């Protein structure tokens, strides 16, 4: 049996290197996309939380104004 030519070994080396490069690029792009999506979800959750906090504050202000009116009415009575 004759050994495999050296040019064939080099092509396998290139193939392995290319596979590793493509894998590294895919993992890198995936990590960047994950960071971007996480940022978008965080921003959306923050906006939603701020909106809900404003709604709760508004309801609380209305409730306190109503109770203040009740307290004044009882004080005058």
C-alpha atoms as a PDB file:
ATOM      1  CA  UNK A   1       0.000   0.000   0.000  1.00  0.00           C
ATOM      2  CA  UNK A   2       1.173   3.462  -0.792  1.00  0.00           C
ATOM      3  CA  UNK A   3       0.778   6.337   1.669  1.00  0.00           C
ATOM      4  CA  UNK A   4      -1.663   9.152   0.864  1.00  0.00           C
ATOM      5  CA  UNK A   5      -0.161  12.111  -0.991  1.00  0.00           C
ATOM      6  CA  UNK A   6       0.737  15.175   1.046  1.00  0.00           C
ATOM      7  CA  UNK A   7      -1.612  17.421  -0.933  1.00  0.00           C
ATOM      8  CA  UNK A   8      -4.547  15.374   0.280  1.00  0.00           C
ATOM      9  CA  UNK A   9      -3.510  15.887   3.928  1.00  0.00           C
ATOM     10  CA  UNK A  10      -3.300  19.633   3.328  1.00  0.00           C
ATOM     11  CA  UNK A  11      -6.836  19.739   1.975  1.00  0.00           C
ATOM     12  CA  UNK A  12      -8.064  18.000   5.116  1.00  0.00           C
ATOM     13  CA  UNK A  13      -6.161  20.527   7.224  1.00  0.00           C
ATOM     14  CA  UNK A  14      -7.814  23.337   5.293  1.00  0.00           C
ATOM     15  CA  UNK A  15     -11.197  21.680   5.766  1.00  0.00           C
ATOM     16  CA  UNK A  16     -10.731  21.385   9.513  1.00  0.00           C
ATOM     17  CA  UNK A  17      -9.521  24.981   9.722  1.00  0.00           C
ATOM     18  CA  UNK A  18     -12.448  26.186   7.650  1.00  0.00           C
ATOM     19  CA  UNK A  19     -14.925  24.254   9.795  1.00  0.00           C
ATOM     20  CA  UNK A  20     -13.420  25.752  12.957  1.00  0.00           C
ATOM     21  CA  UNK A  21     -13.515  29.260  11.454  1.00  0.00           C
ATOM     22  CA  UNK A  22     -17.151  28.940  10.384  1.00  0.00           C
ATOM     23  CA  UNK A  23     -18.085  27.539  13.799  1.00  0.00           C
ATOM     24  CA  UNK A  24     -16.311  30.410  15.579  1.00  0.00           C
ATOM     25  CA  UNK A  25     -18.049  32.955  13.342  1.00  0.00           C
ATOM     26  CA  UNK A  26     -21.447  31.352  13.950  1.00  0.00           C
ATOM     27  CA  UNK A  27     -20.912  31.361  17.719  1.00  0.00           C
ATOM     28  CA  UNK A  28     -19.731  34.987  17.615  1.00  0.00           C
ATOM     29  CA  UNK A  29     -22.685  36.151  15.530  1.00  0.00           C
ATOM     30  CA  UNK A  30     -25.040  34.184  17.784  1.00  0.00           C
ATOM     31  CA  UNK A  31     -23.579  35.867  20.867  1.00  0.00           C
ATOM     32  CA  UNK A  32     -23.974  39.310  19.302  1.00  0.00           C
ATOM     33  CA  UNK A  33     -27.577  38.580  18.343  1.00  0.00           C
ATOM     34  CA  UNK A  34     -28.286  37.321  21.857  1.00  0.00           C
ATOM     35  CA  UNK A  35     -26.935  40.552  23.352  1.00  0.00           C
ATOM     36  CA  UNK A  36     -29.032  42.618  20.931  1.00  0.00           C
ATOM     37  CA  UNK A  37     -32.230  40.677  21.637  1.00  0.00           C
ATOM     38  CA  UNK A  38     -31.589  40.848  25.389  1.00  0.00           C
ATOM     39  CA  UNK A  39     -31.201  44.624  25.128  1.00  0.00           C
ATOM     40  CA  UNK A  40     -34.433  44.934  23.172  1.00  0.00           C
ATOM     41  CA  UNK A  41     -36.358  42.816  25.685  1.00  0.00           C
ATOM     42  CA  UNK A  42     -34.899  44.782  28.588  1.00  0.00           C
ATOM     43  CA  UNK A  43     -35.859  48.086  26.971  1.00  0.00           C
ATOM     44  CA  UNK A  44     -39.384  46.880  26.257  1.00  0.00           C
ATOM     45  CA  UNK A  45     -39.795  45.613  29.816  1.00  0.00           C
ATOM     46  CA  UNK A  46     -38.492  48.919  31.191  1.00  0.00           C
ATOM     47  CA  UNK A  47     -40.931  50.928  29.101  1.00  0.00           C
ATOM     48  CA  UNK A  48     -43.801  48.710  30.191  1.00  0.00           C
ATOM     49  CA  UNK A  49     -42.771  48.994  33.827  1.00  0.00           C
ATOM     50  CA  UNK A  50     -42.527  52.788  33.607  1.00  0.00           C
ATOM     51  CA  UNK A  51     -45.985  52.986  32.034  1.00  0.00           C
ATOM     52  CA  UNK A  52     -47.520  50.766  34.714  1.00  0.00           C
ATOM     53  CA  UNK A  53     -45.811  52.762  37.482  1.00  0.00           C
ATOM     54  CA  UNK A  54     -47.375  55.925  36.080  1.00  0.00           C
ATOM     55  CA  UNK A  55     -50.793  54.286  36.040  1.00  0.00           C
ATOM     56  CA  UNK A  56     -50.444  53.131  39.661  1.00  0.00           C
ATOM     57  CA  UNK A  57     -49.280  56.590  40.749  1.00  0.00           C
ATOM     58  CA  UNK A  58     -52.272  58.182  39.015  1.00  0.00           C
ATOM     59  CA  UNK A  59     -54.723  55.813  40.703  1.00  0.00           C
ATOM     60  CA  UNK A  60     -53.057  56.391  44.059  1.00  0.00           C
ATOM     61  CA  UNK A  61     -53.292  60.182  43.627  1.00  0.00           C
ATOM     62  CA  UNK A  62     -56.992  59.933  42.800  1.00  0.00           C
ATOM     63  CA  UNK A  63     -57.622  57.701  45.812  1.00  0.00           C
ATOM     64  CA  UNK A  64     -55.764  60.051  48.160  1.00  0.00           C
ATOM     65  CA  UNK A  65     -57.621  63.085  46.808  1.00  0.00           C
ATOM     66  CA  UNK A  66     -60.925  61.294  47.389  1.00  0.00           C
ATOM     67  CA  UNK A  67     -59.936  60.311  50.942  1.00  0.00           C
ATOM     68  CA  UNK A  68     -58.740  63.868  51.629  1.00  0.00           C
ATOM     69  CA  UNK A  69     -62.154  65.166  50.597  1.00  0.00           C
ATOM     70  CA  UNK A  70     -63.799  62.639  52.921  1.00  0.00           C
ATOM     71  CA  UNK A  71     -61.567  63.709  55.823  1.00  0.00           C
ATOM     72  CA  UNK A  72     -62.359  67.397  55.246  1.00  0.00           C
ATOM     73  CA  UNK A  73     -66.086  66.671  55.109  1.00  0.00           C
ATOM     74  CA  UNK A  74     -65.894  64.783  58.431  1.00  0.00           C
ATOM     75  CA  UNK A  75     -63.847  67.583  59.983  1.00  0.00           C
ATOM     76  CA  UNK A  76     -66.473  70.156  59.062  1.00  0.00           C
ATOM     77  CA  UNK A  77     -69.265  67.932  60.347  1.00  0.00           C
END
